[in-house]
Amino acid sequence: MRSFGVGAAIGAANPKNVAVGIATAAVLTSAGLTTAQAILAIAFYVVVAGAGVAAPLVGTLVYRDRAHAILDRWKTWLGQNNAAVMTVLFCSPPCSSAEGSPGF
């Protein structure tokens, strides 16, 4: 439990995470969403934001014996393709139309 608290504190204090959280809050508050739409948007954000932590955890729980080998392959792949992954993440266009409304 102590390690969870330390991990949560480090993650919450990370300037990148704080900036993304503030930007997300600013977009959601200025979007003119209804309460239901805002709740759905926040739930979607939480799922996407937590996917990086949830995927290895779920993989470990589901594939118990094979999890270590699978996670090592993921780590190797990400290490080899780090530049491409970061380019896609930071240079891809936002998911919105020209008017600034969500383009779902």
C-alpha atoms as a PDB file:
ATOM      1  CA  MET A   1       0.000   0.000   0.000  1.00  0.00           C
ATOM      2  CA  ARG A   2       2.904   2.318   0.766  1.00  0.00           C
ATOM      3  CA  SER A   3       4.358   1.851  -2.733  1.00  0.00           C
ATOM      4  CA  PHE A   4       0.958   2.728  -4.241  1.00  0.00           C
ATOM      5  CA  GLY A   5       0.930   5.986  -2.294  1.00  0.00           C
ATOM      6  CA  VAL A   6       4.481   6.855  -3.352  1.00  0.00           C
ATOM      7  CA  GLY A   7       3.668   6.032  -6.996  1.00  0.00           C
ATOM      8  CA  ALA A   8       0.500   8.116  -6.907  1.00  0.00           C
ATOM      9  CA  ALA A   9       2.352  11.072  -5.363  1.00  0.00           C
ATOM     10  CA  ILE A  10       5.143  10.904  -7.938  1.00  0.00           C
ATOM     11  CA  GLY A  11       2.635  10.596 -10.804  1.00  0.00           C
ATOM     12  CA  ALA A  12       0.485  13.429  -9.533  1.00  0.00           C
ATOM     13  CA  ALA A  13       3.480  15.712  -8.955  1.00  0.00           C
ATOM     14  CA  ASN A  14       4.952  15.098 -12.423  1.00  0.00           C
ATOM     15  CA  PRO A  15       4.828  18.460 -14.240  1.00  0.00           C
ATOM     16  CA  LYS A  16       3.861  16.766 -17.517  1.00  0.00           C
ATOM     17  CA  ASN A  17       0.871  15.065 -15.882  1.00  0.00           C
ATOM     18  CA  VAL A  18      -0.171  18.300 -14.170  1.00  0.00           C
ATOM     19  CA  ALA A  19       0.021  20.212 -17.472  1.00  0.00           C
ATOM     20  CA  VAL A  20      -2.022  17.613 -19.339  1.00  0.00           C
ATOM     21  CA  GLY A  21      -4.593  17.536 -16.541  1.00  0.00           C
ATOM     22  CA  ILE A  22      -4.938  21.327 -16.517  1.00  0.00           C
ATOM     23  CA  ALA A  23      -5.226  21.423 -20.316  1.00  0.00           C
ATOM     24  CA  THR A  24      -7.883  18.705 -20.239  1.00  0.00           C
ATOM     25  CA  ALA A  25      -9.847  20.558 -17.564  1.00  0.00           C
ATOM     26  CA  ALA A  26      -9.640  23.798 -19.578  1.00  0.00           C
ATOM     27  CA  VAL A  27     -10.905  22.116 -22.739  1.00  0.00           C
ATOM     28  CA  LEU A  28     -13.734  20.351 -20.924  1.00  0.00           C
ATOM     29  CA  THR A  29     -14.901  23.465 -19.096  1.00  0.00           C
ATOM     30  CA  SER A  30     -14.866  25.609 -22.231  1.00  0.00           C
ATOM     31  CA  ALA A  31     -16.591  23.022 -24.433  1.00  0.00           C
ATOM     32  CA  GLY A  32     -20.120  23.829 -23.231  1.00  0.00           C
ATOM     33  CA  LEU A  33     -20.929  20.198 -22.466  1.00  0.00           C
ATOM     34  CA  THR A  34     -23.987  19.032 -20.595  1.00  0.00           C
ATOM     35  CA  THR A  35     -23.390  17.308 -17.269  1.00  0.00           C
ATOM     36  CA  ALA A  36     -23.847  13.876 -18.841  1.00  0.00           C
ATOM     37  CA  GLN A  37     -21.441  14.705 -21.669  1.00  0.00           C
ATOM     38  CA  ALA A  38     -18.864  16.051 -19.227  1.00  0.00           C
ATOM     39  CA  ILE A  39     -19.093  12.914 -17.086  1.00  0.00           C
ATOM     40  CA  LEU A  40     -18.658  10.735 -20.176  1.00  0.00           C
ATOM     41  CA  ALA A  41     -15.679  12.809 -21.354  1.00  0.00           C
ATOM     42  CA  ILE A  42     -14.022  12.638 -17.932  1.00  0.00           C
ATOM     43  CA  ALA A  43     -14.601   8.875 -17.727  1.00  0.00           C
ATOM     44  CA  PHE A  44     -13.064   8.431 -21.191  1.00  0.00           C
ATOM     45  CA  TYR A  45     -10.072  10.589 -20.196  1.00  0.00           C
ATOM     46  CA  VAL A  46      -9.504   8.551 -17.026  1.00  0.00           C
ATOM     47  CA  VAL A  47      -9.622   5.265 -18.977  1.00  0.00           C
ATOM     48  CA  VAL A  48      -7.192   6.502 -21.637  1.00  0.00           C
ATOM     49  CA  ALA A  49      -4.879   8.148 -19.076  1.00  0.00           C
ATOM     50  CA  GLY A  50      -4.809   4.977 -16.972  1.00  0.00           C
ATOM     51  CA  ALA A  51      -4.252   2.590 -19.869  1.00  0.00           C
ATOM     52  CA  GLY A  52      -0.471   2.785 -19.543  1.00  0.00           C
ATOM     53  CA  VAL A  53      -0.684   1.481 -16.003  1.00  0.00           C
ATOM     54  CA  ALA A  54      -3.661  -0.821 -16.486  1.00  0.00           C
ATOM     55  CA  ALA A  55      -2.303  -2.745 -19.501  1.00  0.00           C
ATOM     56  CA  PRO A  56       0.718  -4.271 -17.719  1.00  0.00           C
ATOM     57  CA  LEU A  57      -1.339  -4.890 -14.585  1.00  0.00           C
ATOM     58  CA  VAL A  58      -4.118  -6.674 -16.474  1.00  0.00           C
ATOM     59  CA  GLY A  59      -1.525  -8.567 -18.510  1.00  0.00           C
ATOM     60  CA  THR A  60       0.136  -9.760 -15.318  1.00  0.00           C
ATOM     61  CA  LEU A  61      -3.174 -10.882 -13.828  1.00  0.00           C
ATOM     62  CA  VAL A  62      -4.377 -12.637 -16.989  1.00  0.00           C
ATOM     63  CA  TYR A  63      -1.159 -14.258 -18.211  1.00  0.00           C
ATOM     64  CA  ARG A  64       0.421 -14.960 -14.823  1.00  0.00           C
ATOM     65  CA  ASP A  65       3.257 -17.310 -15.885  1.00  0.00           C
ATOM     66  CA  ARG A  66       3.915 -15.700 -19.280  1.00  0.00           C
ATOM     67  CA  ALA A  67       3.527 -12.093 -18.130  1.00  0.00           C
ATOM     68  CA  HIS A  68       7.211 -11.452 -17.485  1.00  0.00           C
ATOM     69  CA  ALA A  69       8.221 -12.545 -21.000  1.00  0.00           C
ATOM     70  CA  ILE A  70       5.392 -10.533 -22.584  1.00  0.00           C
ATOM     71  CA  LEU A  71       6.256  -7.394 -20.622  1.00  0.00           C
ATOM     72  CA  ASP A  72       9.944  -7.806 -21.529  1.00  0.00           C
ATOM     73  CA  ARG A  73       8.983  -7.939 -25.229  1.00  0.00           C
ATOM     74  CA  TRP A  74       6.864  -4.779 -24.817  1.00  0.00           C
ATOM     75  CA  LYS A  75       9.767  -3.038 -23.072  1.00  0.00           C
ATOM     76  CA  THR A  76      12.209  -4.070 -25.811  1.00  0.00           C
ATOM     77  CA  TRP A  77       9.840  -2.972 -28.578  1.00  0.00           C
ATOM     78  CA  LEU A  78       9.191   0.401 -26.937  1.00  0.00           C
ATOM     79  CA  GLY A  79      12.919   0.924 -26.421  1.00  0.00           C
ATOM     80  CA  GLN A  80      13.645   0.189 -30.081  1.00  0.00           C
ATOM     81  CA  ASN A  81      10.748   2.310 -31.381  1.00  0.00           C
ATOM     82  CA  ASN A  82      10.795   5.132 -28.848  1.00  0.00           C
ATOM     83  CA  ALA A  83      11.426   7.892 -31.389  1.00  0.00           C
ATOM     84  CA  ALA A  84       8.580   6.739 -33.646  1.00  0.00           C
ATOM     85  CA  VAL A  85       6.158   6.374 -30.727  1.00  0.00           C
ATOM     86  CA  MET A  86       6.974   9.852 -29.392  1.00  0.00           C
ATOM     87  CA  THR A  87       6.671  11.363 -32.874  1.00  0.00           C
ATOM     88  CA  VAL A  88       3.198   9.892 -33.324  1.00  0.00           C
ATOM     89  CA  LEU A  89       2.099  10.972 -29.850  1.00  0.00           C
ATOM     90  CA  PHE A  90       3.346  14.551 -30.059  1.00  0.00           C
ATOM     91  CA  CYS A  91       2.919  15.329 -33.749  1.00  0.00           C
ATOM     92  CA  SER A  92      -0.486  13.819 -34.474  1.00  0.00           C
ATOM     93  CA  PRO A  93      -3.306  16.328 -35.044  1.00  0.00           C
ATOM     94  CA  PRO A  94      -5.877  16.802 -32.284  1.00  0.00           C
ATOM     95  CA  CYS A  95      -9.225  15.039 -32.523  1.00  0.00           C
ATOM     96  CA  SER A  96     -11.282  18.124 -33.269  1.00  0.00           C
ATOM     97  CA  SER A  97     -12.849  19.874 -36.216  1.00  0.00           C
ATOM     98  CA  ALA A  98     -11.798  23.297 -37.531  1.00  0.00           C
ATOM     99  CA  GLU A  99     -14.392  25.001 -35.308  1.00  0.00           C
ATOM    100  CA  GLY A 100     -12.826  23.481 -32.197  1.00  0.00           C
ATOM    101  CA  SER A 101     -15.718  21.227 -31.294  1.00  0.00           C
ATOM    102  CA  PRO A 102     -15.022  17.540 -30.700  1.00  0.00           C
ATOM    103  CA  GLY A 103     -14.865  15.691 -33.983  1.00  0.00           C
ATOM    104  CA  PHE A 104     -16.066  12.304 -32.836  1.00  0.00           C
END
